[in-house]
Amino acid sequence: MPKITLNSGASFEAGPGVTILDAATAAGITLPYSCRTGRCGTCKCQVAAGATTALFAETGLESGDFDQGWILSCARTAQSDLVLEVEDLGGLSLPPARTLPCRISSIERPAHDVVRVRLRLPPASDFQFLPGQYIDVIGHGGVKRSYSLASADPTDQGLELHVRAVPGGAMSAHWFNQAKINDLLRLQGPRGTFFLRDVSERDLIFLATGTGIAPVKAMLEALVTLAPARGPASVTLLWGGRVPGDLYLDIGGMPAIDRYIPVLSRADAAWEGARGHVQDVLLDERPDLGNASVYACGSDAMIHDARRALARAGLPERRFHSDAFVCSAKP
């Protein structure tokens, strides 16, 4: 079997037809990932030596990426021995993904096109996750959709989800029109590698659009639990929407935040705040990115543009962490 060696020195083998990401996971090595469908780009890595074969389309790559050796580990299998440049999360052991029953404990509508759902788990489930990760919710008829967890600790209020209405979406229609308290669902998770790395003395910058605020909220809640010596030097949040109603949480007062910048792209003349896109508003301030780590969640377009623009402005590639929301490939 081909041997895959990472720039960290870690190595593992991959069988025929097994994705690089799955082979790493089976070997106890944690690599970045999110959608596992080749669309979000979170698992992007660079081939320094060797050959790979695509198992399905890598739409998360940008024009010219493949010519520079970039691939998506969730969509590629090793054709020969490989050497990969990739963020290796080392011996970090993620909470195991499990399938559990859950019931809806509350449904609120903080905006006309957003519902905030809380799910309660069986008392003995002991569900563990890292703030920023997501779960898959399985509804009636086996429809499965992914949702970021919006709270750091489920013990008091349960698992919090923020769901945006998707025109024609099967699960969206259920949340907005049929779901009710005590409905029985199933969840699978936790999943993903969008969570806080070592933040000690870092200048943390969070970029969110729409319901991308959900995992950011969970991370901000987790920050206040850190010992002072392990905490960040500063925390800045930019949350973007189209109109004021899109910013459906009063999040600026959270104790972890030093600076909050709400940003609107289609505000009327009455809006006195920042206008445009969150990444552009950030860069207009000419921030010193030498000590920064950026965590971005929201639209795929924002993630890709922010990654490119911040890299040009001096942010090291491995200090940009993201979770792009992509529409489900399944009916």
Foldseek 3Di string as FASTA:
>chain_A
DAKEAEPVGDIFDFDPPGFQCRRCVVVQWHFFDADLPLAQCRQKKFWPDADKDFQDDNNNDDPPQVVRRIDHRSGIDGPHHTYIYGDTPPNDDFFDKDKFKWWWADWDDLFPFKIKTFIAGPPPPPDDGAQLWWKWKQDPPRDIDIFHFQAQDQPPGHTITMDGADVPDPVSCCSVPPGDGGDMIMMIDRDGDQHDDQQFQFAEEEEEEQRQCRSVNRRLNVQVVDDNRRHYNAYEYEYEYAEPSSVRDPPCPRPRHPYYFYEHAHYDPVDPGHYDGRLVVVVVVLDDQPRYAYEYEEASVNLVVSLVVVVVSPHDNVRYHYDHDDDDPDD
